[in-house]
Amino acid sequence: MLTDVEAKLRKGNKLLFSRDSVCLQELIGLMMLQKHRTLVLWAFDCAQLPLERLESKYPKEQRPRAAVEECRAWAEAHIKMMPAKRAILEAHAAAKEIDDPAAAALCHAVGHAGATVHVETHALGLVFYELTAIVLENRNNYDAAVLDKIKYYHDRLLYWQEHTDGSNRTWAPFLLDDSRPNKEKLLAKKRRQFIE
């Protein structure tokens, strides 16, 4: 199930997972069924563990946490997009400054989690980069850790699927528009048409 990851690792790829990764197909299918705000809540939830791992290694690096906080404020209509976008870009800049590939991947993961407020397709960025960090941290024995994390993502998504609308959250108006199609689903349709 992870042979594609092993091949990318041998080639020295920086990102070891993609939309074509066999191990992610069930999760991606579930993501395509979700409302935008469900994926936002899921991304904020799932960003907490990579943030904690990152901050335990680099306690002075606060740009990824700032990105999540700014994006949460954007999702709740407390700020406009530009301050959140700047914070996301700063989280990605932190990744480029850290000389630790696993920690850099965690910075990117958190940046994508925040960017999920902008568009659903960023939610998978969290997955791709955090799983890459897990592989890099467990090079010789990563299978179980990766598969456990994918199950965790799936379980948390099922939780938020059931609990998104029952919360008393304030939402930015664009996140309340359920008539907009899921962008991950649209992307999958385009990719299939390109292949055919």
N, C-alpha and C. Protein backbone atom coordinates (compact mmCIF):
# COMPACT_ATOMS: atom_id res chain seq x y z
N MET A 1 0.82 -1.21 0.00
CA MET A 1 0.00 0.00 0.00
C MET A 1 0.86 1.27 0.00
N LEU A 2 2.07 1.18 0.51
CA LEU A 2 2.94 2.35 0.58
C LEU A 2 4.15 2.24 -0.36
N THR A 3 4.06 1.40 -1.38
CA THR A 3 5.19 1.22 -2.30
C THR A 3 5.50 2.50 -3.06
N ASP A 4 4.46 3.31 -3.37
CA ASP A 4 4.70 4.57 -4.06
C ASP A 4 5.48 5.54 -3.17
N VAL A 5 5.22 5.48 -1.89
CA VAL A 5 5.94 6.33 -0.93
C VAL A 5 7.41 5.91 -0.89
N GLU A 6 7.64 4.62 -0.83
CA GLU A 6 9.01 4.10 -0.80
C GLU A 6 9.78 4.53 -2.05
N ALA A 7 9.13 4.47 -3.20
CA ALA A 7 9.78 4.88 -4.45
C ALA A 7 10.14 6.36 -4.42
N LYS A 8 9.24 7.20 -3.91
CA LYS A 8 9.52 8.63 -3.83
C LYS A 8 10.64 8.92 -2.82
N LEU A 9 10.66 8.16 -1.75
CA LEU A 9 11.70 8.32 -0.73
C LEU A 9 13.07 7.99 -1.33
N ARG A 10 13.14 6.91 -2.09
CA ARG A 10 14.41 6.53 -2.73
C ARG A 10 14.87 7.58 -3.73
N LYS A 11 13.93 8.22 -4.42
CA LYS A 11 14.27 9.26 -5.40
C LYS A 11 14.69 10.57 -4.73
N GLY A 12 14.41 10.69 -3.43
CA GLY A 12 14.75 11.91 -2.73
C GLY A 12 13.71 13.00 -2.85
N ASN A 13 12.48 12.63 -3.20
CA ASN A 13 11.40 13.63 -3.29
C ASN A 13 11.17 14.30 -1.94
N LYS A 14 10.85 15.57 -1.96
CA LYS A 14 10.57 16.28 -0.72
C LYS A 14 9.16 15.99 -0.21
N LEU A 15 8.24 15.75 -1.13
CA LEU A 15 6.85 15.44 -0.79
C LEU A 15 6.59 13.99 -1.20
N LEU A 16 6.17 13.18 -0.25
CA LEU A 16 6.09 11.74 -0.47
C LEU A 16 4.68 11.22 -0.73
N PHE A 17 3.68 12.10 -0.64
CA PHE A 17 2.28 11.71 -0.85
C PHE A 17 1.65 12.67 -1.84
N SER A 18 0.61 12.18 -2.53
CA SER A 18 -0.10 13.01 -3.51
C SER A 18 -1.53 12.51 -3.62
N ARG A 19 -2.29 13.15 -4.48
CA ARG A 19 -3.67 12.71 -4.73
C ARG A 19 -3.72 11.32 -5.36
N ASP A 20 -2.62 10.85 -5.88
CA ASP A 20 -2.56 9.51 -6.48
C ASP A 20 -2.13 8.44 -5.48
N SER A 21 -1.77 8.80 -4.28
CA SER A 21 -1.32 7.82 -3.29
C SER A 21 -2.45 6.84 -2.97
N VAL A 22 -2.16 5.58 -3.17
CA VAL A 22 -3.16 4.53 -2.97
C VAL A 22 -3.73 4.56 -1.55
N CYS A 23 -2.89 4.79 -0.58
CA CYS A 23 -3.32 4.76 0.82
C CYS A 23 -4.29 5.88 1.19
N LEU A 24 -4.41 6.89 0.33
CA LEU A 24 -5.26 8.05 0.65
C LEU A 24 -6.59 8.07 -0.08
N GLN A 25 -6.84 7.10 -0.93
CA GLN A 25 -8.03 7.17 -1.78
C GLN A 25 -9.34 7.19 -1.00
N GLU A 26 -9.46 6.40 0.05
CA GLU A 26 -10.69 6.41 0.84
C GLU A 26 -10.89 7.75 1.53
N LEU A 27 -9.82 8.29 2.10
CA LEU A 27 -9.90 9.60 2.75
C LEU A 27 -10.29 10.69 1.75
N ILE A 28 -9.66 10.68 0.59
CA ILE A 28 -9.97 11.69 -0.43
C ILE A 28 -11.43 11.58 -0.85
N GLY A 29 -11.92 10.36 -1.01
CA GLY A 29 -13.33 10.18 -1.36
C GLY A 29 -14.25 10.78 -0.31
N LEU A 30 -13.93 10.60 0.95
CA LEU A 30 -14.73 11.17 2.03
C LEU A 30 -14.63 12.69 2.03
N MET A 31 -13.46 13.23 1.76
CA MET A 31 -13.27 14.69 1.73
C MET A 31 -14.13 15.33 0.64
N MET A 32 -14.30 14.63 -0.47
CA MET A 32 -15.08 15.17 -1.59
C MET A 32 -16.56 15.31 -1.26
N LEU A 33 -17.01 14.67 -0.21
CA LEU A 33 -18.43 14.71 0.18
C LEU A 33 -18.74 15.82 1.19
N GLN A 34 -17.71 16.53 1.64
CA GLN A 34 -17.88 17.45 2.77
C GLN A 34 -18.19 18.89 2.35
N LYS A 35 -18.85 19.57 3.27
CA LYS A 35 -19.03 21.02 3.14
C LYS A 35 -17.67 21.68 3.40
N HIS A 36 -17.52 22.86 2.86
CA HIS A 36 -16.26 23.60 3.05
C HIS A 36 -15.99 23.80 4.54
N ARG A 37 -16.98 24.23 5.29
CA ARG A 37 -16.72 24.51 6.71
C ARG A 37 -16.40 23.24 7.50
N THR A 38 -16.89 22.08 7.06
CA THR A 38 -16.53 20.82 7.72
C THR A 38 -15.03 20.57 7.56
N LEU A 39 -14.53 20.79 6.34
CA LEU A 39 -13.10 20.59 6.10
C LEU A 39 -12.26 21.62 6.85
N VAL A 40 -12.79 22.83 7.02
CA VAL A 40 -12.08 23.85 7.79
C VAL A 40 -11.94 23.40 9.25
N LEU A 41 -13.04 22.97 9.84
CA LEU A 41 -12.98 22.51 11.24
C LEU A 41 -12.06 21.30 11.38
N TRP A 42 -12.14 20.38 10.42
CA TRP A 42 -11.27 19.21 10.43
C TRP A 42 -9.80 19.63 10.34
N ALA A 43 -9.50 20.56 9.45
CA ALA A 43 -8.10 21.00 9.27
C ALA A 43 -7.57 21.68 10.53
N PHE A 44 -8.38 22.55 11.14
CA PHE A 44 -7.93 23.19 12.39
C PHE A 44 -7.69 22.14 13.47
N ASP A 45 -8.58 21.17 13.57
CA ASP A 45 -8.44 20.09 14.54
C ASP A 45 -7.16 19.29 14.29
N CYS A 46 -6.98 18.85 13.05
CA CYS A 46 -5.83 18.01 12.71
C CYS A 46 -4.51 18.77 12.71
N ALA A 47 -4.54 20.08 12.67
CA ALA A 47 -3.31 20.87 12.71
C ALA A 47 -2.71 20.92 14.11
N GLN A 48 -3.48 20.60 15.12
CA GLN A 48 -2.98 20.75 16.49
C GLN A 48 -1.80 19.83 16.80
N LEU A 49 -1.86 18.59 16.38
CA LEU A 49 -0.75 17.67 16.68
C LEU A 49 0.54 18.05 15.94
N PRO A 50 0.48 18.38 14.63
CA PRO A 50 1.73 18.82 14.01
C PRO A 50 2.27 20.11 14.63
N LEU A 51 1.37 21.00 15.05
CA LEU A 51 1.82 22.23 15.72
C LEU A 51 2.57 21.88 17.01
N GLU A 52 2.01 20.98 17.78
CA GLU A 52 2.65 20.59 19.04
C GLU A 52 4.01 19.94 18.79
N ARG A 53 4.09 19.06 17.78
CA ARG A 53 5.38 18.42 17.47
C ARG A 53 6.40 19.46 17.02
N LEU A 54 5.96 20.39 16.20
CA LEU A 54 6.85 21.43 15.71
C LEU A 54 7.33 22.33 16.85
N GLU A 55 6.40 22.75 17.69
CA GLU A 55 6.77 23.65 18.79
C GLU A 55 7.61 22.96 19.86
N SER A 56 7.49 21.64 19.98
CA SER A 56 8.35 20.95 20.95
C SER A 56 9.81 20.96 20.49
N LYS A 57 10.02 20.95 19.16
CA LYS A 57 11.38 21.01 18.62
C LYS A 57 11.88 22.44 18.44
N TYR A 58 10.98 23.34 18.10
CA TYR A 58 11.33 24.73 17.80
C TYR A 58 10.37 25.66 18.55
N PRO A 59 10.51 25.78 19.86
CA PRO A 59 9.55 26.55 20.65
C PRO A 59 9.48 28.04 20.30
N LYS A 60 10.53 28.57 19.72
CA LYS A 60 10.51 30.00 19.37
C LYS A 60 9.85 30.26 18.02
N GLU A 61 9.61 29.22 17.24
CA GLU A 61 9.00 29.38 15.91
C GLU A 61 7.48 29.43 16.06
N GLN A 62 6.93 30.62 15.99
CA GLN A 62 5.50 30.81 16.21
C GLN A 62 4.71 31.13 14.94
N ARG A 63 5.37 31.20 13.79
CA ARG A 63 4.66 31.56 12.56
C ARG A 63 3.59 30.54 12.16
N PRO A 64 3.83 29.25 12.27
CA PRO A 64 2.74 28.31 11.94
C PRO A 64 1.51 28.48 12.86
N ARG A 65 1.75 28.65 14.16
CA ARG A 65 0.62 28.87 15.08
C ARG A 65 -0.11 30.16 14.73
N ALA A 66 0.62 31.20 14.40
CA ALA A 66 -0.01 32.46 14.02
C ALA A 66 -0.87 32.28 12.77
N ALA A 67 -0.42 31.44 11.84
CA ALA A 67 -1.22 31.19 10.63
C ALA A 67 -2.56 30.55 10.99
N VAL A 68 -2.54 29.57 11.88
CA VAL A 68 -3.79 28.92 12.28
C VAL A 68 -4.70 29.92 12.99
N GLU A 69 -4.14 30.73 13.87
CA GLU A 69 -4.95 31.71 14.60
C GLU A 69 -5.56 32.75 13.66
N GLU A 70 -4.76 33.24 12.72
CA GLU A 70 -5.28 34.23 11.76
C GLU A 70 -6.35 33.60 10.86
N CYS A 71 -6.13 32.37 10.44
CA CYS A 71 -7.10 31.72 9.56
C CYS A 71 -8.39 31.38 10.31
N ARG A 72 -8.26 31.07 11.56
CA ARG A 72 -9.46 30.85 12.39
C ARG A 72 -10.27 32.15 12.49
N ALA A 73 -9.57 33.26 12.69
CA ALA A 73 -10.24 34.57 12.75
C ALA A 73 -10.90 34.90 11.41
N TRP A 74 -10.25 34.55 10.31
CA TRP A 74 -10.82 34.76 8.98
C TRP A 74 -12.09 33.91 8.80
N ALA A 75 -12.00 32.64 9.18
CA ALA A 75 -13.16 31.75 9.05
C ALA A 75 -14.35 32.24 9.86
N GLU A 76 -14.06 32.92 10.97
CA GLU A 76 -15.12 33.42 11.84
C GLU A 76 -15.52 34.86 11.52
N ALA A 77 -15.03 35.38 10.40
CA ALA A 77 -15.39 36.71 9.90
C ALA A 77 -14.89 37.85 10.79
N HIS A 78 -13.83 37.61 11.55
CA HIS A 78 -13.25 38.68 12.39
C HIS A 78 -12.22 39.50 11.62
N ILE A 79 -11.63 38.90 10.58
CA ILE A 79 -10.67 39.61 9.75
C ILE A 79 -10.94 39.25 8.29
N LYS A 80 -10.35 40.02 7.39
CA LYS A 80 -10.45 39.74 5.96
C LYS A 80 -9.34 38.77 5.55
N MET A 81 -9.31 38.40 4.28
CA MET A 81 -8.38 37.40 3.79
C MET A 81 -6.91 37.82 3.88
N MET A 82 -6.56 39.06 3.59
CA MET A 82 -5.15 39.43 3.43
C MET A 82 -4.28 39.18 4.66
N PRO A 83 -4.70 39.52 5.88
CA PRO A 83 -3.84 39.19 7.03
C PRO A 83 -3.65 37.68 7.19
N ALA A 84 -4.69 36.91 6.92
CA ALA A 84 -4.58 35.46 7.01
C ALA A 84 -3.64 34.93 5.93
N LYS A 85 -3.75 35.47 4.74
CA LYS A 85 -2.88 35.03 3.64
C LYS A 85 -1.42 35.32 3.97
N ARG A 86 -1.14 36.49 4.52
CA ARG A 86 0.24 36.82 4.92
C ARG A 86 0.75 35.83 5.97
N ALA A 87 -0.11 35.48 6.92
CA ALA A 87 0.30 34.54 7.97
C ALA A 87 0.57 33.14 7.39
N ILE A 88 -0.24 32.73 6.42
CA ILE A 88 -0.02 31.43 5.76
C ILE A 88 1.34 31.44 5.06
N LEU A 89 1.60 32.51 4.33
CA LEU A 89 2.88 32.61 3.62
C LEU A 89 4.06 32.62 4.59
N GLU A 90 3.88 33.22 5.75
CA GLU A 90 4.93 33.21 6.77
C GLU A 90 5.17 31.80 7.32
N ALA A 91 4.11 31.00 7.46
CA ALA A 91 4.28 29.61 7.90
C ALA A 91 5.11 28.83 6.87
N HIS A 92 4.82 29.08 5.59
CA HIS A 92 5.60 28.42 4.54
C HIS A 92 7.04 28.95 4.49
N ALA A 93 7.22 30.24 4.79
CA ALA A 93 8.58 30.80 4.85
C ALA A 93 9.37 30.15 5.98
N ALA A 94 8.71 29.88 7.10
CA ALA A 94 9.39 29.21 8.22
C ALA A 94 9.92 27.86 7.77
N ALA A 95 9.16 27.16 6.93
CA ALA A 95 9.60 25.85 6.44
C ALA A 95 10.90 25.96 5.67
N LYS A 96 11.04 27.03 4.92
CA LYS A 96 12.25 27.20 4.10
C LYS A 96 13.46 27.58 4.94
N GLU A 97 13.22 28.10 6.14
CA GLU A 97 14.32 28.54 6.99
C GLU A 97 14.80 27.47 7.97
N ILE A 98 14.01 26.43 8.15
CA ILE A 98 14.37 25.37 9.09
C ILE A 98 15.17 24.31 8.36
N ASP A 99 16.34 23.99 8.90
CA ASP A 99 17.21 22.97 8.29
C ASP A 99 16.90 21.61 8.90
N ASP A 100 15.67 21.20 8.73
CA ASP A 100 15.18 19.94 9.28
C ASP A 100 13.98 19.55 8.41
N PRO A 101 14.17 18.61 7.47
CA PRO A 101 13.10 18.30 6.51
C PRO A 101 11.76 17.91 7.14
N ALA A 102 11.79 17.17 8.24
CA ALA A 102 10.53 16.77 8.89
C ALA A 102 9.83 17.99 9.48
N ALA A 103 10.57 18.84 10.16
CA ALA A 103 9.97 20.05 10.75
C ALA A 103 9.49 21.00 9.65
N ALA A 104 10.23 21.10 8.57
CA ALA A 104 9.80 21.94 7.45
C ALA A 104 8.48 21.42 6.89
N ALA A 105 8.36 20.10 6.78
CA ALA A 105 7.11 19.51 6.30
C ALA A 105 5.96 19.84 7.25
N LEU A 106 6.23 19.86 8.54
CA LEU A 106 5.18 20.21 9.51
C LEU A 106 4.74 21.67 9.34
N CYS A 107 5.69 22.56 9.07
CA CYS A 107 5.33 23.97 8.81
C CYS A 107 4.40 24.07 7.61
N HIS A 108 4.75 23.34 6.54
CA HIS A 108 3.89 23.35 5.35
C HIS A 108 2.52 22.74 5.66
N ALA A 109 2.50 21.66 6.44
CA ALA A 109 1.23 21.02 6.80
C ALA A 109 0.30 22.01 7.50
N VAL A 110 0.85 22.74 8.46
CA VAL A 110 0.04 23.70 9.21
C VAL A 110 -0.39 24.86 8.31
N GLY A 111 0.49 25.31 7.44
CA GLY A 111 0.12 26.37 6.50
C GLY A 111 -1.05 25.95 5.63
N HIS A 112 -1.02 24.71 5.14
CA HIS A 112 -2.12 24.22 4.32
C HIS A 112 -3.40 24.04 5.13
N ALA A 113 -3.26 23.66 6.38
CA ALA A 113 -4.45 23.55 7.23
C ALA A 113 -5.16 24.90 7.30
N GLY A 114 -4.41 25.95 7.54
CA GLY A 114 -5.00 27.29 7.58
C GLY A 114 -5.59 27.70 6.24
N ALA A 115 -4.89 27.37 5.17
CA ALA A 115 -5.33 27.75 3.82
C ALA A 115 -6.60 27.02 3.40
N THR A 116 -7.00 25.99 4.14
CA THR A 116 -8.25 25.30 3.84
C THR A 116 -9.43 26.27 3.94
N VAL A 117 -9.30 27.32 4.71
CA VAL A 117 -10.35 28.34 4.77
C VAL A 117 -10.55 28.94 3.38
N HIS A 118 -9.47 29.12 2.64
CA HIS A 118 -9.56 29.69 1.29
C HIS A 118 -10.24 28.74 0.33
N VAL A 119 -9.76 27.48 0.29
CA VAL A 119 -10.32 26.50 -0.64
C VAL A 119 -10.08 25.09 -0.10
N GLU A 120 -11.04 24.21 -0.32
CA GLU A 120 -11.00 22.86 0.22
C GLU A 120 -9.77 22.07 -0.20
N THR A 121 -9.24 22.32 -1.36
CA THR A 121 -8.12 21.53 -1.88
C THR A 121 -6.87 21.65 -1.01
N HIS A 122 -6.76 22.67 -0.20
CA HIS A 122 -5.61 22.80 0.70
C HIS A 122 -5.64 21.78 1.84
N ALA A 123 -6.80 21.24 2.14
CA ALA A 123 -6.90 20.27 3.24
C ALA A 123 -5.97 19.09 3.00
N LEU A 124 -5.86 18.66 1.76
CA LEU A 124 -4.95 17.54 1.48
C LEU A 124 -3.49 17.93 1.63
N GLY A 125 -3.17 19.20 1.52
CA GLY A 125 -1.80 19.64 1.79
C GLY A 125 -1.38 19.31 3.20
N LEU A 126 -2.30 19.49 4.15
CA LEU A 126 -2.03 19.10 5.53
C LEU A 126 -1.66 17.63 5.58
N VAL A 127 -2.44 16.79 4.92
CA VAL A 127 -2.21 15.35 4.91
C VAL A 127 -0.87 15.01 4.26
N PHE A 128 -0.64 15.52 3.06
CA PHE A 128 0.59 15.18 2.32
C PHE A 128 1.84 15.53 3.12
N TYR A 129 1.84 16.73 3.69
CA TYR A 129 3.05 17.17 4.40
C TYR A 129 3.21 16.53 5.77
N GLU A 130 2.12 16.35 6.52
CA GLU A 130 2.30 15.73 7.82
C GLU A 130 2.72 14.26 7.66
N LEU A 131 2.12 13.56 6.70
CA LEU A 131 2.53 12.18 6.47
C LEU A 131 3.99 12.10 6.01
N THR A 132 4.41 13.06 5.20
CA THR A 132 5.81 13.11 4.79
C THR A 132 6.71 13.26 6.02
N ALA A 133 6.32 14.14 6.94
CA ALA A 133 7.10 14.32 8.17
C ALA A 133 7.18 13.02 8.97
N ILE A 134 6.07 12.29 9.03
CA ILE A 134 6.04 11.03 9.77
C ILE A 134 7.02 10.04 9.14
N VAL A 135 7.03 9.95 7.83
CA VAL A 135 7.97 9.04 7.15
C VAL A 135 9.40 9.46 7.45
N LEU A 136 9.68 10.76 7.35
CA LEU A 136 11.05 11.23 7.57
C LEU A 136 11.50 11.01 9.02
N GLU A 137 10.58 11.07 9.95
CA GLU A 137 10.92 10.86 11.35
C GLU A 137 11.07 9.38 11.71
N ASN A 138 10.49 8.51 10.89
CA ASN A 138 10.49 7.07 11.16
C ASN A 138 10.98 6.29 9.95
N ARG A 139 12.04 6.74 9.34
CA ARG A 139 12.50 6.22 8.05
C ARG A 139 12.50 4.71 7.90
N ASN A 140 12.90 4.00 8.91
CA ASN A 140 13.04 2.54 8.79
C ASN A 140 11.78 1.77 9.15
N ASN A 141 10.82 2.45 9.75
CA ASN A 141 9.63 1.73 10.21
C ASN A 141 8.45 2.70 10.30
N TYR A 142 7.99 3.16 9.17
CA TYR A 142 6.95 4.19 9.16
C TYR A 142 5.56 3.68 8.80
N ASP A 143 5.44 2.47 8.29
CA ASP A 143 4.15 1.98 7.78
C ASP A 143 3.02 2.12 8.80
N ALA A 144 3.22 1.58 10.00
CA ALA A 144 2.16 1.61 11.01
C ALA A 144 1.81 3.04 11.40
N ALA A 145 2.82 3.89 11.56
CA ALA A 145 2.56 5.28 11.96
C ALA A 145 1.76 6.02 10.88
N VAL A 146 2.09 5.79 9.62
CA VAL A 146 1.37 6.43 8.51
C VAL A 146 -0.07 5.94 8.47
N LEU A 147 -0.25 4.63 8.54
CA LEU A 147 -1.61 4.08 8.45
C LEU A 147 -2.46 4.49 9.66
N ASP A 148 -1.85 4.57 10.84
CA ASP A 148 -2.57 5.05 12.03
C ASP A 148 -3.00 6.50 11.84
N LYS A 149 -2.13 7.32 11.26
CA LYS A 149 -2.45 8.73 11.07
C LYS A 149 -3.58 8.89 10.05
N ILE A 150 -3.55 8.09 8.99
CA ILE A 150 -4.63 8.15 8.00
C ILE A 150 -5.96 7.77 8.64
N LYS A 151 -5.95 6.75 9.49
CA LYS A 151 -7.17 6.38 10.21
C LYS A 151 -7.62 7.53 11.12
N TYR A 152 -6.68 8.17 11.77
CA TYR A 152 -7.00 9.32 12.62
C TYR A 152 -7.67 10.41 11.78
N TYR A 153 -7.11 10.75 10.62
CA TYR A 153 -7.73 11.76 9.75
C TYR A 153 -9.16 11.36 9.39
N HIS A 154 -9.32 10.12 9.02
CA HIS A 154 -10.64 9.61 8.61
C HIS A 154 -11.63 9.73 9.76
N ASP A 155 -11.23 9.27 10.95
CA ASP A 155 -12.11 9.31 12.12
C ASP A 155 -12.47 10.75 12.50
N ARG A 156 -11.51 11.65 12.45
CA ARG A 156 -11.79 13.04 12.79
C ARG A 156 -12.72 13.68 11.75
N LEU A 157 -12.56 13.29 10.49
CA LEU A 157 -13.44 13.83 9.45
C LEU A 157 -14.87 13.33 9.66
N LEU A 158 -15.02 12.07 10.02
CA LEU A 158 -16.37 11.56 10.33
C LEU A 158 -16.97 12.31 11.52
N TYR A 159 -16.14 12.61 12.51
CA TYR A 159 -16.62 13.38 13.66
C TYR A 159 -17.13 14.75 13.21
N TRP A 160 -16.33 15.48 12.44
CA TRP A 160 -16.73 16.82 12.03
C TRP A 160 -17.89 16.80 11.04
N GLN A 161 -17.99 15.74 10.27
CA GLN A 161 -19.14 15.60 9.37
C GLN A 161 -20.44 15.62 10.18
N GLU A 162 -20.40 15.01 11.35
CA GLU A 162 -21.59 14.94 12.21
C GLU A 162 -21.77 16.17 13.10
N HIS A 163 -20.71 16.92 13.36
CA HIS A 163 -20.77 17.99 14.36
C HIS A 163 -20.57 19.41 13.83
N THR A 164 -20.43 19.58 12.54
CA THR A 164 -20.19 20.91 12.00
C THR A 164 -21.36 21.85 12.26
N ASP A 165 -22.54 21.41 11.93
CA ASP A 165 -23.70 22.31 12.01
C ASP A 165 -24.28 22.42 13.41
N GLY A 166 -23.89 21.56 14.32
CA GLY A 166 -24.40 21.63 15.67
C GLY A 166 -23.63 22.61 16.55
N SER A 167 -22.62 23.22 16.01
CA SER A 167 -21.82 24.14 16.81
C SER A 167 -22.39 25.55 16.73
N ASN A 168 -22.09 26.33 17.72
CA ASN A 168 -22.55 27.73 17.76
C ASN A 168 -21.44 28.65 17.29
N ARG A 169 -20.87 28.36 16.15
CA ARG A 169 -19.77 29.16 15.62
C ARG A 169 -20.31 30.29 14.76
N THR A 170 -19.54 31.35 14.73
CA THR A 170 -19.78 32.42 13.77
C THR A 170 -18.94 32.09 12.55
N TRP A 171 -19.54 32.20 11.38
CA TRP A 171 -18.83 31.87 10.15
C TRP A 171 -18.79 33.06 9.21
N ALA A 172 -17.70 33.17 8.47
CA ALA A 172 -17.65 34.14 7.37
C ALA A 172 -18.73 33.73 6.37
N PRO A 173 -19.40 34.70 5.76
CA PRO A 173 -20.51 34.37 4.85
C PRO A 173 -20.15 33.38 3.74
N PHE A 174 -18.94 33.47 3.18
CA PHE A 174 -18.60 32.56 2.09
C PHE A 174 -18.54 31.11 2.55
N LEU A 175 -18.32 30.87 3.84
CA LEU A 175 -18.30 29.50 4.34
C LEU A 175 -19.70 28.96 4.64
N LEU A 176 -20.67 29.83 4.64
CA LEU A 176 -22.06 29.41 4.85
C LEU A 176 -22.79 29.08 3.55
N ASP A 177 -22.15 29.35 2.43
CA ASP A 177 -22.77 29.12 1.13
C ASP A 177 -22.60 27.66 0.70
N ASP A 178 -23.58 26.83 1.04
CA ASP A 178 -23.50 25.41 0.71
C ASP A 178 -23.84 25.11 -0.75
N SER A 179 -24.18 26.13 -1.50
CA SER A 179 -24.47 25.90 -2.93
C SER A 179 -23.18 25.81 -3.74
N ARG A 180 -22.08 26.26 -3.18
CA ARG A 180 -20.80 26.17 -3.88
C ARG A 180 -20.32 24.73 -3.90
N PRO A 181 -19.87 24.23 -5.04
CA PRO A 181 -19.42 22.83 -5.10
C PRO A 181 -18.09 22.64 -4.37
N ASN A 182 -17.90 21.43 -3.88
CA ASN A 182 -16.65 21.05 -3.21
C ASN A 182 -15.53 21.08 -4.25
N LYS A 183 -14.52 21.89 -4.00
CA LYS A 183 -13.43 22.09 -4.97
C LYS A 183 -12.56 20.83 -5.14
N GLU A 184 -12.45 20.03 -4.10
CA GLU A 184 -11.70 18.78 -4.22
C GLU A 184 -12.42 17.84 -5.19
N LYS A 185 -13.73 17.82 -5.11
CA LYS A 185 -14.52 16.99 -6.02
C LYS A 185 -14.40 17.49 -7.45
N LEU A 186 -14.44 18.82 -7.63
CA LEU A 186 -14.27 19.39 -8.98
C LEU A 186 -12.90 19.07 -9.55
N LEU A 187 -11.88 19.15 -8.71
CA LEU A 187 -10.52 18.84 -9.16
C LEU A 187 -10.41 17.37 -9.59
N ALA A 188 -11.02 16.48 -8.83
CA ALA A 188 -10.98 15.05 -9.18
C ALA A 188 -11.66 14.82 -10.53
N LYS A 189 -12.76 15.50 -10.77
CA LYS A 189 -13.47 15.36 -12.03
C LYS A 189 -12.59 15.85 -13.19
N LYS A 190 -11.93 16.97 -13.02
CA LYS A 190 -11.03 17.50 -14.05
C LYS A 190 -9.87 16.55 -14.32
N ARG A 191 -9.33 15.99 -13.26
CA ARG A 191 -8.20 15.06 -13.42
C ARG A 191 -8.63 13.82 -14.19
N ARG A 192 -9.84 13.31 -13.89
CA ARG A 192 -10.35 12.14 -14.63
C ARG A 192 -10.55 12.46 -16.09
N GLN A 193 -11.07 13.64 -16.40
CA GLN A 193 -11.29 14.04 -17.79
C GLN A 193 -9.96 14.17 -18.52
N PHE A 194 -8.94 14.66 -17.85
CA PHE A 194 -7.63 14.82 -18.45
C PHE A 194 -7.02 13.46 -18.81
N ILE A 195 -7.23 12.48 -17.91
CA ILE A 195 -6.68 11.14 -18.13
C ILE A 195 -7.40 10.43 -19.27
N GLU A 196 -8.71 10.64 -19.34
CA GLU A 196 -9.50 9.97 -20.40
C GLU A 196 -9.26 10.66 -21.69
